[in-house]
Amino acid sequence: MSKSIEVLDCTLRDGAYINKSEFGTNTIRGILKRLADAKIDIIECGWLKNDPHAEGNSYYHTPSDLKRYLDYKDPQVTYVVMIDFDRYDTKYLTPYDGTSFDAVRVVFPRSKVKEGIEACKRIREKGYKVYCQASNTLGYTDKELLELADEINAFEPEGISVVDTFGAMYPEDLLRILSIVSHNLRPSIRIGFHSHNNQQLSFALSMLFTHYMTGQGREIIIDSSLCGMGRGAGNATTELVTSFLNRKYFGNYDLDLIMNTIDMYMVPCLEKYKWGYSIPNYIAGMYCSHVNNISYLLNRHSASAQEIRSVISSMSPQQRVKYDYDLLEDKYIEDQNKETDDTKSMEALRSILRGRRVLLAAPGKSLLTQKDKVDAYIAKESPVVIGVNAFLPQYEYDYIFIMSRVRYEYAREAYHRQFEKVPKILLSSVKTKGGQDEYIVRYERAIQRGWPHFDNAVICLLRLLDKLGVSDVAIAGFDRFSDVHNESYADPAIPSLSGDEDWDALNAELSEIVSDFEKRVRGRMNLMSITPGSIFKKEP
């Protein structure tokens, strides 16, 4: 007889989004064994994919791929894998023989319920148990939920999960869905809940789900993962869910063993990877947006929370649930490139800077470590000193160039006296109307698309200076980015890039952009770097 409440741990499956499924052989084997020993009811071992299996990876191609990680199959545990209904060819699924996984969870969107059920039928014909996952269940209308219930009743899987794909549900949303689904599904079909923690509600909603569904007399399944490991904001945590069930619903899960598993296998993941609640993930939940949209804006443009919200809110609900990067890029540019008449600003800056030698003081750490070189250059050449996207109190600036709203607000608050004293060159991505000693320039004048990180502040300022007729530019502090925390900037508190960057790839890309710029301005702009470790290779 099955338990009325079961926990499904999805660490190896949902966690695969975080580490590209590269857990390693020992970790996969250890998590599978320890979760079973801790009396977890259902263990999701990973994904089924069309590609061949790689050792130490939780993407499997055939059932035999999983067997190498199962030293012992606990008969009290159901071992499952997941497929996207249209991304795995079931011809690779060998008939069930009891030596590998026992069941398959099939994910399908609301527009593809019938197609999803057809995939389920093919899997059941191979002898496996089948569970259904109705992705973005919040997007279903009441009528669609009734239609879903009819389809599920006709097929009668082991269970179907309500899925809060975007972490957007509030308690009343979950209760609305459960009241319809529970009252219209056959009693034999278990109901599950898979949550995401975008709004810090994952555990709370899991408790609500348990209270409500047990009151309905239903057998239920609660999805969770160790430390909440999962895409974006992650999931309800196995440690919290099992503790709750032990204390309130006579659960018998071994919390000591769960904690020991976290110490042994999850702490190293936490040291290398990042997931969980964050402001950007909260925005994804607020607007029911695919997390890839958020990641794109963070990684490509280091967009602030305000900018992310502005871009996502400009998209239609249908656009948000998908990820069209070309559309997203257009929306980002549209958000940054606000309309403004910059004719007077351009004329004034051209008059001020043309014929002058200019020093760009970028925010890299070498601006402090090599300050003697920078001071010597300033004393000898008397350049116009322009700070780039940041202030340092150790320097006197003639102008400050800012293209980020967050950097503008930070500079104004952190260095108020210096901020008020120094004239500012601002792109329209910051503001469209200038105050005293502020020169507003259209964002589009400073960018050139063609690279993922085309809006690097130093390079944007160089493009603007070229348009202003500046022919002699020195650069200090344009350092290569470092993966060591707080090592990239002279001011360690400065709002900075996403920590998910591939820093070597970013440095290579910026070097490529610089080389392209140098070719374009050859003969009309002389460029050199006066601090070592620069993206620019040319030094005096």
Protein backbone atom coordinates (compact mmCIF):
# COMPACT_ATOMS: atom_id res chain seq x y z
CA MET A 1 0.00 0.00 0.00
CA SER A 2 1.41 3.38 -0.98
CA LYS A 3 1.95 6.15 1.54
CA SER A 4 -0.51 9.04 1.58
CA ILE A 5 2.36 11.56 1.43
CA GLU A 6 5.52 10.94 -0.56
CA VAL A 7 8.60 13.11 -1.06
CA LEU A 8 10.22 13.22 -4.50
CA ASP A 9 13.79 14.50 -4.44
CA CYS A 10 14.72 16.08 -7.78
CA THR A 11 18.29 17.21 -6.98
CA LEU A 12 19.93 15.21 -9.77
CA ARG A 13 17.33 16.33 -12.31
CA ASP A 14 16.49 19.97 -11.54
CA GLY A 15 20.00 20.55 -10.23
CA ALA A 16 21.29 19.60 -13.68
CA TYR A 17 20.31 23.08 -14.86
CA ILE A 18 22.89 24.53 -12.49
CA ASN A 19 25.94 22.40 -13.30
CA LYS A 20 25.00 21.20 -16.81
CA SER A 21 24.28 17.82 -15.18
CA GLU A 22 27.99 17.30 -14.45
CA PHE A 23 27.65 16.02 -10.89
CA GLY A 24 30.36 13.38 -11.21
CA THR A 25 30.14 9.63 -10.75
CA ASN A 26 30.75 9.60 -7.00
CA THR A 27 28.21 12.34 -6.34
CA ILE A 28 25.46 10.70 -8.39
CA ARG A 29 26.11 7.32 -6.79
CA GLY A 30 26.35 8.84 -3.30
CA ILE A 31 23.18 10.93 -3.57
CA LEU A 32 21.16 8.00 -4.91
CA LYS A 33 22.28 5.70 -2.10
CA ARG A 34 21.97 8.21 0.72
CA LEU A 35 18.53 9.50 -0.30
CA ALA A 36 17.29 5.92 -0.36
CA ASP A 37 18.86 5.24 3.05
CA ALA A 38 17.20 8.43 4.36
CA LYS A 39 13.83 6.91 3.33
CA ILE A 40 13.06 9.39 0.54
CA ASP A 41 10.13 7.84 -1.30
CA ILE A 42 10.82 8.82 -4.92
CA ILE A 43 14.25 9.72 -6.29
CA GLU A 44 14.50 11.51 -9.60
CA CYS A 45 17.79 10.33 -11.05
CA GLY A 46 18.06 12.82 -13.92
CA TRP A 47 16.89 13.33 -17.50
CA LEU A 48 16.52 11.10 -20.53
CA LYS A 49 18.12 12.71 -23.60
CA ASN A 50 18.73 11.63 -27.19
CA ASP A 51 22.48 12.22 -26.88
CA PRO A 52 24.83 9.45 -25.69
CA HIS A 53 25.48 9.36 -21.95
CA ALA A 54 28.73 10.82 -20.59
CA GLU A 55 30.30 9.37 -17.45
CA GLY A 56 29.38 11.34 -14.32
CA ASN A 57 26.46 13.07 -16.03
CA SER A 58 22.80 12.89 -14.95
CA TYR A 59 21.60 12.96 -18.56
CA TYR A 60 20.96 9.37 -19.60
CA HIS A 61 20.33 7.94 -23.05
CA THR A 62 19.02 4.47 -22.19
CA PRO A 63 18.01 2.74 -18.94
CA SER A 64 21.32 0.87 -18.85
CA ASP A 65 23.18 4.18 -18.40
CA LEU A 66 21.72 4.63 -14.93
CA LYS A 67 22.54 1.12 -13.71
CA ARG A 68 26.24 1.91 -13.18
CA TYR A 69 25.26 4.43 -10.46
CA LEU A 70 22.82 2.14 -8.64
CA ASP A 71 24.91 -0.07 -6.38
CA TYR A 72 21.68 -1.28 -4.81
CA LYS A 73 18.04 -0.62 -5.67
CA ASP A 74 15.97 -0.12 -2.54
CA PRO A 75 12.62 -1.87 -3.11
CA GLN A 76 10.87 0.77 -1.00
CA VAL A 77 12.02 3.55 -3.36
CA THR A 78 10.63 4.51 -6.76
CA TYR A 79 13.43 5.59 -9.10
CA VAL A 80 12.29 7.97 -11.82
CA VAL A 81 13.69 10.02 -14.70
CA MET A 82 12.17 12.91 -16.63
CA ILE A 83 11.64 13.67 -20.31
CA ASP A 84 10.31 16.63 -22.24
CA PHE A 85 7.49 15.01 -24.21
CA ASP A 86 8.96 16.04 -27.58
CA ARG A 87 12.69 15.94 -26.85
CA TYR A 88 13.30 12.26 -26.25
CA ASP A 89 12.73 9.53 -28.82
CA THR A 90 11.15 6.64 -26.93
CA LYS A 91 12.67 4.17 -29.40
CA TYR A 92 15.78 4.35 -27.18
CA LEU A 93 13.74 3.24 -24.16
CA THR A 94 14.32 -0.46 -23.65
CA PRO A 95 11.55 -2.53 -22.01
CA TYR A 96 11.36 -2.35 -18.22
CA ASP A 97 13.28 -5.11 -16.46
CA GLY A 98 13.50 -3.75 -12.90
CA THR A 99 17.25 -3.13 -12.94
CA SER A 100 17.19 0.61 -13.71
CA PHE A 101 14.59 3.34 -13.17
CA ASP A 102 10.98 2.36 -12.51
CA ALA A 103 9.06 5.33 -13.87
CA VAL A 104 9.24 8.29 -16.22
CA ARG A 105 7.90 11.78 -15.59
CA VAL A 106 6.67 13.43 -18.78
CA VAL A 107 6.58 17.21 -19.06
CA PHE A 108 4.23 18.97 -21.46
CA PRO A 109 2.80 22.51 -21.83
CA ARG A 110 -0.91 23.28 -21.77
CA SER A 111 -1.04 23.60 -25.57
CA LYS A 112 0.34 20.05 -26.01
CA VAL A 113 -1.61 17.94 -23.52
CA LYS A 114 -2.77 15.38 -26.08
CA GLU A 115 0.72 15.06 -27.58
CA GLY A 116 2.14 14.65 -24.07
CA ILE A 117 -0.33 11.88 -23.29
CA GLU A 118 0.66 10.06 -26.49
CA ALA A 119 4.30 10.07 -25.30
CA CYS A 120 3.09 8.72 -21.96
CA LYS A 121 1.30 5.85 -23.69
CA ARG A 122 4.45 4.81 -25.54
CA ILE A 123 6.38 4.75 -22.28
CA ARG A 124 3.74 2.70 -20.47
CA GLU A 125 3.80 0.17 -23.32
CA LYS A 126 7.47 -0.42 -22.42
CA GLY A 127 6.41 -1.42 -18.90
CA TYR A 128 7.27 1.74 -16.96
CA LYS A 129 5.09 3.67 -14.56
CA VAL A 130 4.23 7.15 -15.81
CA TYR A 131 3.83 10.47 -14.04
CA CYS A 132 2.66 13.64 -15.80
CA GLN A 133 3.96 17.17 -15.29
CA ALA A 134 1.65 19.99 -16.39
CA SER A 135 4.21 22.76 -16.85
CA ASN A 136 3.15 26.30 -15.95
CA THR A 137 -0.11 25.07 -14.44
CA LEU A 138 -0.80 28.66 -13.38
CA GLY A 139 -1.28 29.47 -17.07
CA TYR A 140 -4.26 27.09 -17.36
CA THR A 141 -7.75 28.59 -17.31
CA ASP A 142 -10.41 26.82 -15.25
CA LYS A 143 -11.82 25.34 -18.46
CA GLU A 144 -8.38 24.09 -19.49
CA LEU A 145 -7.87 22.50 -16.07
CA LEU A 146 -11.13 20.58 -16.50
CA GLU A 147 -10.02 19.45 -19.96
CA LEU A 148 -6.66 18.42 -18.51
CA ALA A 149 -8.42 16.38 -15.83
CA ASP A 150 -10.47 14.58 -18.50
CA GLU A 151 -7.33 13.65 -20.46
CA ILE A 152 -5.50 12.48 -17.34
CA ASN A 153 -8.49 10.42 -16.19
CA ALA A 154 -8.66 8.69 -19.56
CA PHE A 155 -4.97 7.75 -19.38
CA GLU A 156 -4.80 7.27 -15.58
CA PRO A 157 -1.07 7.75 -14.80
CA GLU A 158 0.43 7.14 -11.38
CA GLY A 159 0.14 10.84 -10.71
CA ILE A 160 0.12 14.34 -12.12
CA SER A 161 1.99 17.33 -10.70
CA VAL A 162 0.87 20.91 -10.47
CA VAL A 163 3.97 22.86 -11.57
CA ASP A 164 4.73 26.44 -10.56
CA THR A 165 7.18 26.82 -13.45
CA PHE A 166 7.91 30.50 -12.94
CA GLY A 167 7.57 30.62 -9.16
CA ALA A 168 4.64 33.00 -9.66
CA MET A 169 1.92 31.38 -7.55
CA TYR A 170 0.32 32.88 -4.49
CA PRO A 171 -1.66 30.72 -2.03
CA GLU A 172 -5.00 31.57 -3.65
CA ASP A 173 -3.64 30.51 -7.05
CA LEU A 174 -2.57 27.13 -5.76
CA LEU A 175 -5.88 26.57 -3.97
CA ARG A 176 -7.87 27.47 -7.10
CA ILE A 177 -5.94 24.95 -9.17
CA LEU A 178 -6.04 22.21 -6.53
CA SER A 179 -9.77 22.60 -5.92
CA ILE A 180 -10.50 22.01 -9.62
CA VAL A 181 -7.95 19.25 -10.19
CA SER A 182 -8.66 17.35 -6.98
CA HIS A 183 -12.43 17.36 -7.44
CA ASN A 184 -12.23 16.15 -11.04
CA LEU A 185 -9.43 13.55 -11.03
CA ARG A 186 -9.97 9.86 -10.33
CA PRO A 187 -9.21 9.03 -6.67
CA SER A 188 -6.50 6.57 -7.75
CA ILE A 189 -4.37 9.31 -9.35
CA ARG A 190 -1.91 10.98 -6.99
CA ILE A 191 -1.44 14.75 -7.18
CA GLY A 192 2.00 16.28 -6.87
CA PHE A 193 3.35 19.80 -6.45
CA HIS A 194 6.59 21.12 -7.95
CA SER A 195 7.41 24.64 -6.78
CA HIS A 196 10.03 27.29 -7.54
CA ASN A 197 11.23 29.79 -4.99
CA ASN A 198 11.17 33.02 -7.00
CA GLN A 199 8.97 34.78 -4.43
CA GLN A 200 10.28 33.00 -1.30
CA LEU A 201 7.04 30.99 -1.15
CA SER A 202 8.19 27.53 -2.20
CA PHE A 203 8.21 25.92 1.24
CA ALA A 204 5.12 27.81 2.39
CA LEU A 205 3.17 26.67 -0.67
CA SER A 206 4.39 23.09 -0.16
CA MET A 207 3.00 23.17 3.39
CA LEU A 208 -0.28 24.64 2.14
CA PHE A 209 -0.45 21.96 -0.54
CA THR A 210 0.02 19.26 2.12
CA HIS A 211 -2.61 20.69 4.48
CA TYR A 212 -5.19 21.15 1.76
CA MET A 213 -4.70 17.86 -0.08
CA THR A 214 -4.60 15.64 3.02
CA GLY A 215 -7.87 17.28 3.98
CA GLN A 216 -9.23 16.06 0.66
CA GLY A 217 -8.13 12.51 1.41
CA ARG A 218 -5.73 12.49 -1.54
CA GLU A 219 -2.41 10.69 -1.89
CA ILE A 220 0.16 13.35 -2.72
CA ILE A 221 3.74 13.86 -3.85
CA ILE A 222 5.87 16.84 -2.80
CA ASP A 223 8.85 17.73 -4.98
CA SER A 224 11.98 19.07 -3.31
CA SER A 225 15.75 19.11 -3.74
CA LEU A 226 18.74 19.20 -1.43
CA CYS A 227 19.45 22.86 -0.55
CA GLY A 228 16.73 23.71 -3.09
CA MET A 229 19.17 23.04 -5.95
CA GLY A 230 17.42 23.88 -9.21
CA ARG A 231 17.17 26.29 -12.06
CA GLY A 232 16.99 29.98 -11.18
CA ALA A 233 15.46 30.43 -7.75
CA GLY A 234 15.49 26.70 -7.10
CA ASN A 235 12.92 24.52 -5.36
CA ALA A 236 11.52 23.70 -1.97
CA THR A 237 14.35 22.18 0.03
CA THR A 238 14.32 18.49 0.91
CA GLU A 239 15.67 19.22 4.37
CA LEU A 240 12.79 21.60 5.21
CA VAL A 241 10.06 19.45 3.64
CA THR A 242 11.16 16.24 5.39
CA SER A 243 11.56 18.01 8.74
CA PHE A 244 8.05 19.45 8.36
CA LEU A 245 6.58 16.05 7.55
CA ASN A 246 8.43 14.39 10.45
CA ARG A 247 7.04 16.94 12.90
CA LYS A 248 3.52 17.40 11.56
CA TYR A 249 2.59 14.30 9.54
CA PHE A 250 4.35 11.37 11.25
CA GLY A 251 7.13 11.23 8.67
CA ASN A 252 10.06 8.91 9.21
CA TYR A 253 12.82 10.57 7.18
CA ASP A 254 16.40 10.41 8.46
CA LEU A 255 17.33 14.08 8.85
CA ASP A 256 20.83 13.29 10.12
CA LEU A 257 21.58 11.37 6.95
CA ILE A 258 20.05 14.13 4.81
CA MET A 259 22.25 16.70 6.54
CA ASN A 260 25.28 14.48 6.13
CA THR A 261 24.52 14.14 2.42
CA ILE A 262 24.38 17.93 2.16
CA ASP A 263 27.73 18.23 3.93
CA MET A 264 29.36 15.67 1.68
CA TYR A 265 27.87 16.42 -1.73
CA MET A 266 26.02 19.75 -1.71
CA VAL A 267 28.50 22.01 0.07
CA PRO A 268 31.00 21.60 -2.80
CA CYS A 269 28.20 22.51 -5.25
CA LEU A 270 27.31 25.58 -3.20
CA GLU A 271 30.95 26.67 -3.34
CA LYS A 272 31.05 26.40 -7.15
CA TYR A 273 27.54 27.29 -8.30
CA LYS A 274 24.86 29.82 -7.57
CA TRP A 275 21.10 29.33 -7.29
CA GLY A 276 18.23 30.36 -5.04
CA TYR A 277 16.16 33.42 -4.34
CA SER A 278 17.43 36.66 -5.83
CA ILE A 279 15.92 39.92 -6.99
CA PRO A 280 16.24 39.00 -10.69
CA ASN A 281 14.57 35.64 -10.03
CA TYR A 282 11.86 37.43 -8.07
CA ILE A 283 11.21 39.57 -11.16
CA ALA A 284 10.89 36.39 -13.23
CA GLY A 285 8.26 35.16 -10.77
CA MET A 286 6.47 38.50 -10.68
CA TYR A 287 5.98 38.51 -14.46
CA CYS A 288 5.75 34.73 -15.10
CA SER A 289 8.88 35.04 -17.21
CA HIS A 290 11.18 32.26 -18.35
CA VAL A 291 14.35 32.40 -16.25
CA ASN A 292 16.49 32.38 -19.43
CA ASN A 293 15.26 35.91 -20.18
CA ILE A 294 16.61 37.06 -16.83
CA SER A 295 19.93 35.24 -17.28
CA TYR A 296 20.39 36.78 -20.70
CA LEU A 297 19.93 40.34 -19.44
CA LEU A 298 22.28 39.71 -16.52
CA ASN A 299 25.04 37.97 -18.43
CA ARG A 300 24.95 40.00 -21.63
CA HIS A 301 24.33 43.44 -20.20
CA SER A 302 24.85 43.27 -16.42
CA ALA A 303 21.35 44.75 -16.30
CA SER A 304 20.18 46.15 -12.98
CA ALA A 305 17.01 44.86 -11.31
CA GLN A 306 15.23 48.04 -12.38
CA GLU A 307 16.34 47.56 -16.00
CA ILE A 308 15.35 43.89 -15.99
CA ARG A 309 11.92 44.76 -14.65
CA SER A 310 11.51 47.49 -17.25
CA VAL A 311 12.45 45.17 -20.13
CA ILE A 312 10.38 42.18 -18.96
CA SER A 313 7.32 44.34 -18.26
CA SER A 314 7.49 45.69 -21.82
CA MET A 315 7.00 42.16 -23.20
CA SER A 316 3.63 40.50 -23.68
CA PRO A 317 2.67 37.55 -21.42
CA GLN A 318 3.13 35.24 -24.41
CA GLN A 319 6.63 36.59 -25.07
CA ARG A 320 7.71 36.29 -21.43
CA VAL A 321 7.13 32.56 -21.10
CA LYS A 322 9.48 31.88 -24.04
CA TYR A 323 13.03 33.04 -24.66
CA ASP A 324 13.57 34.78 -27.97
CA TYR A 325 17.00 36.37 -27.56
CA ASP A 326 16.69 38.56 -30.66
CA LEU A 327 13.44 39.98 -29.32
CA LEU A 328 14.97 40.41 -25.87
CA GLU A 329 17.95 42.24 -27.32
CA ASP A 330 15.65 44.61 -29.22
CA LYS A 331 13.60 45.24 -26.07
CA TYR A 332 16.77 45.96 -24.08
CA ILE A 333 18.08 48.43 -26.66
CA GLU A 334 14.66 50.07 -26.80
CA ASP A 335 14.65 50.42 -23.02
CA GLN A 336 18.15 51.91 -22.93
CA ASN A 337 17.84 54.16 -25.96
CA LYS A 338 15.28 56.60 -24.66
CA GLU A 339 14.43 59.53 -26.90
CA THR A 340 16.31 62.74 -26.15
CA ASP A 341 17.65 65.68 -28.15
CA ASP A 342 21.40 65.57 -27.55
CA THR A 343 22.40 68.15 -30.18
CA LYS A 344 23.52 70.77 -27.69
CA SER A 345 25.35 68.23 -25.53
CA MET A 346 27.28 66.89 -28.53
CA GLU A 347 28.19 70.41 -29.69
CA ALA A 348 29.36 71.41 -26.21
CA LEU A 349 31.43 68.24 -25.70
CA ARG A 350 32.96 68.54 -29.16
CA SER A 351 34.01 72.10 -28.35
CA ILE A 352 35.49 71.07 -24.98
CA LEU A 353 37.35 67.91 -26.04
CA ARG A 354 38.43 68.33 -29.65
CA GLY A 355 42.17 68.83 -29.87
CA ARG A 356 42.69 67.78 -26.23
CA ARG A 357 44.53 64.74 -24.95
CA VAL A 358 42.09 62.59 -22.90
CA LEU A 359 42.77 60.08 -20.11
CA LEU A 360 40.08 57.51 -19.39
CA ALA A 361 40.21 56.44 -15.74
CA ALA A 362 38.44 53.06 -15.83
CA PRO A 363 37.40 51.44 -12.52
CA GLY A 364 39.92 48.56 -12.52
CA LYS A 365 42.10 47.85 -9.53
CA SER A 366 45.29 48.93 -11.33
CA LEU A 367 44.03 52.50 -11.04
CA LEU A 368 45.10 52.24 -7.39
CA THR A 369 47.96 49.75 -7.56
CA GLN A 370 49.61 51.71 -10.39
CA LYS A 371 48.59 55.18 -9.21
CA ASP A 372 52.17 56.45 -9.40
CA LYS A 373 52.23 55.78 -13.15
CA VAL A 374 48.86 57.43 -13.65
CA ASP A 375 49.86 60.48 -11.58
CA ALA A 376 53.11 60.79 -13.53
CA TYR A 377 51.23 60.71 -16.83
CA ILE A 378 48.74 63.35 -15.63
CA ALA A 379 51.56 65.61 -14.38
CA LYS A 380 53.45 65.33 -17.66
CA GLU A 381 50.61 65.47 -20.23
CA SER A 382 47.86 67.49 -18.45
CA PRO A 383 45.05 65.46 -20.07
CA VAL A 384 41.32 65.86 -19.62
CA VAL A 385 40.64 63.14 -17.02
CA ILE A 386 37.34 61.33 -17.51
CA GLY A 387 36.26 58.75 -14.94
CA VAL A 388 34.44 55.76 -16.45
CA ASN A 389 31.29 54.60 -14.69
CA ALA A 390 32.81 55.06 -11.23
CA PHE A 391 34.45 57.50 -8.81
CA LEU A 392 37.56 56.95 -6.74
CA PRO A 393 38.24 59.51 -3.99
CA GLN A 394 42.00 59.25 -4.70
CA TYR A 395 41.54 61.00 -8.06
CA GLU A 396 40.48 64.40 -9.30
CA TYR A 397 38.27 64.16 -12.39
CA ASP A 398 37.46 66.74 -15.00
CA TYR A 399 34.40 64.74 -16.09
CA ILE A 400 32.70 61.48 -15.23
CA PHE A 401 31.09 59.27 -17.88
CA ILE A 402 28.21 57.08 -16.66
CA MET A 403 25.96 54.76 -18.67
CA SER A 404 24.37 52.74 -15.85
CA ARG A 405 21.48 53.95 -13.70
CA VAL A 406 22.74 51.92 -10.76
CA ARG A 407 26.27 53.33 -11.07
CA TYR A 408 24.82 56.85 -11.26
CA GLU A 409 22.80 56.41 -8.06
CA TYR A 410 25.69 54.68 -6.28
CA ALA A 411 28.14 57.46 -7.16
CA ARG A 412 25.68 60.13 -6.08
CA GLU A 413 25.14 58.50 -2.69
CA ALA A 414 28.60 57.08 -1.94
CA TYR A 415 30.65 60.08 -3.21
CA HIS A 416 28.15 62.90 -2.87
CA ARG A 417 30.60 65.83 -2.62
CA GLN A 418 32.74 64.65 -5.51
CA PHE A 419 29.65 63.77 -7.53
CA GLU A 420 28.16 67.24 -7.19
CA LYS A 421 31.43 68.94 -8.14
CA VAL A 422 32.31 66.98 -11.30
CA PRO A 423 30.51 67.57 -14.65
CA LYS A 424 28.88 64.39 -15.94
CA ILE A 425 28.55 62.86 -19.41
CA LEU A 426 25.52 60.58 -19.29
CA LEU A 427 23.96 58.26 -21.82
CA SER A 428 20.20 58.34 -22.22
CA SER A 429 20.10 54.91 -20.56
CA VAL A 430 20.66 56.84 -17.30
CA LYS A 431 18.35 59.84 -17.82
CA THR A 432 16.96 61.93 -20.66
CA LYS A 433 17.05 65.39 -19.10
CA GLY A 434 20.27 66.71 -17.64
CA GLY A 435 20.71 68.71 -14.49
CA GLN A 436 23.42 71.27 -13.88
CA ASP A 437 26.73 70.30 -15.55
CA GLU A 438 25.20 67.17 -17.09
CA TYR A 439 25.60 66.36 -20.78
CA ILE A 440 23.04 63.82 -22.03
CA VAL A 441 23.96 61.78 -25.10
CA ARG A 442 21.79 59.26 -26.92
CA TYR A 443 22.64 55.66 -26.00
CA GLU A 444 22.77 54.60 -29.65
CA ARG A 445 25.70 56.95 -30.35
CA ALA A 446 27.97 54.94 -28.07
CA ILE A 447 27.14 51.35 -29.01
CA GLN A 448 27.90 49.04 -31.88
CA ARG A 449 26.07 45.72 -31.87
CA GLY A 450 27.73 42.55 -33.02
CA TRP A 451 29.09 41.12 -29.76
CA PRO A 452 27.31 39.84 -26.63
CA HIS A 453 28.93 42.53 -24.43
CA PHE A 454 28.81 45.38 -26.92
CA ASP A 455 27.95 47.91 -24.20
CA ASN A 456 31.13 47.82 -22.13
CA ALA A 457 31.47 51.32 -20.64
CA VAL A 458 35.11 51.96 -21.67
CA ILE A 459 34.48 50.92 -25.24
CA CYS A 460 31.24 52.90 -25.40
CA LEU A 461 33.09 56.02 -24.24
CA LEU A 462 35.81 55.43 -26.85
CA ARG A 463 33.16 55.26 -29.58
CA LEU A 464 31.65 58.49 -28.31
CA LEU A 465 35.03 60.24 -28.19
CA ASP A 466 35.65 59.19 -31.77
CA LYS A 467 32.38 60.84 -32.79
CA LEU A 468 33.45 63.96 -30.89
CA GLY A 469 36.69 64.18 -32.86
CA VAL A 470 39.08 63.26 -30.04
CA SER A 471 42.34 61.97 -31.52
CA ASP A 472 44.62 61.23 -28.53
CA VAL A 473 43.40 58.88 -25.78
CA ALA A 474 45.22 57.15 -22.92
CA ILE A 475 43.53 54.53 -20.77
CA ALA A 476 44.20 53.50 -17.19
CA GLY A 477 42.41 50.85 -15.11
CA PHE A 478 40.85 48.96 -18.02
CA ASP A 479 41.86 45.71 -16.36
CA ARG A 480 41.10 42.19 -17.41
CA PHE A 481 38.23 40.78 -15.36
CA SER A 482 39.11 38.32 -12.59
CA ASP A 483 37.10 35.44 -11.18
CA VAL A 484 38.43 36.28 -7.70
CA HIS A 485 35.76 38.03 -5.67
CA ASN A 486 36.18 41.82 -5.57
CA GLU A 487 39.44 41.68 -7.52
CA SER A 488 38.14 43.32 -10.70
CA TYR A 489 37.37 46.78 -9.32
CA ALA A 490 39.30 49.36 -7.33
CA ASP A 491 36.17 50.02 -5.28
CA PRO A 492 35.10 46.56 -4.03
CA ALA A 493 31.61 47.84 -3.16
CA ILE A 494 30.85 48.99 -6.69
CA PRO A 495 27.75 47.35 -8.26
CA SER A 496 29.35 44.87 -10.63
CA LEU A 497 28.84 42.14 -13.20
CA SER A 498 26.93 38.92 -12.68
CA GLY A 499 28.98 36.28 -10.87
CA ASP A 500 27.98 33.73 -13.52
CA GLU A 501 30.33 35.11 -16.15
CA ASP A 502 32.89 33.04 -18.00
CA TRP A 503 35.63 35.55 -17.28
CA ASP A 504 38.17 34.22 -19.76
CA ALA A 505 35.59 34.32 -22.53
CA LEU A 506 34.55 37.85 -21.52
CA ASN A 507 38.16 39.08 -21.57
CA ALA A 508 38.72 37.48 -24.97
CA GLU A 509 35.56 39.06 -26.33
CA LEU A 510 36.47 42.54 -25.05
CA SER A 511 39.94 42.18 -26.58
CA GLU A 512 38.28 41.34 -29.89
CA ILE A 513 36.02 44.40 -29.67
CA VAL A 514 39.02 46.59 -28.85
CA SER A 515 40.94 45.23 -31.84
CA ASP A 516 38.00 45.95 -34.10
CA PHE A 517 37.74 49.49 -32.73
CA GLU A 518 41.46 50.11 -33.22
CA LYS A 519 41.17 49.10 -36.87
CA ARG A 520 38.23 51.42 -37.39
CA VAL A 521 39.94 54.49 -35.88
CA ARG A 522 43.42 53.83 -37.27
CA GLY A 523 44.82 57.10 -38.59
CA ARG A 524 42.45 59.34 -36.66
CA MET A 525 42.82 58.26 -33.00
CA ASN A 526 46.01 57.38 -31.11
CA LEU A 527 45.35 54.90 -28.28
CA MET A 528 47.55 53.58 -25.49
CA SER A 529 47.28 52.02 -22.04
CA ILE A 530 49.34 53.33 -19.13
CA THR A 531 48.57 50.53 -16.64
CA PRO A 532 49.60 46.86 -17.03
CA GLY A 533 47.08 44.01 -17.29
CA SER A 534 44.86 46.06 -19.56
CA ILE A 535 42.40 44.80 -22.15
CA PHE A 536 44.44 47.10 -24.40
CA LYS A 537 47.83 45.63 -25.19
CA LYS A 538 49.40 48.86 -26.42
CA GLU A 539 51.51 50.56 -23.74
CA PRO A 540 53.94 53.54 -23.98
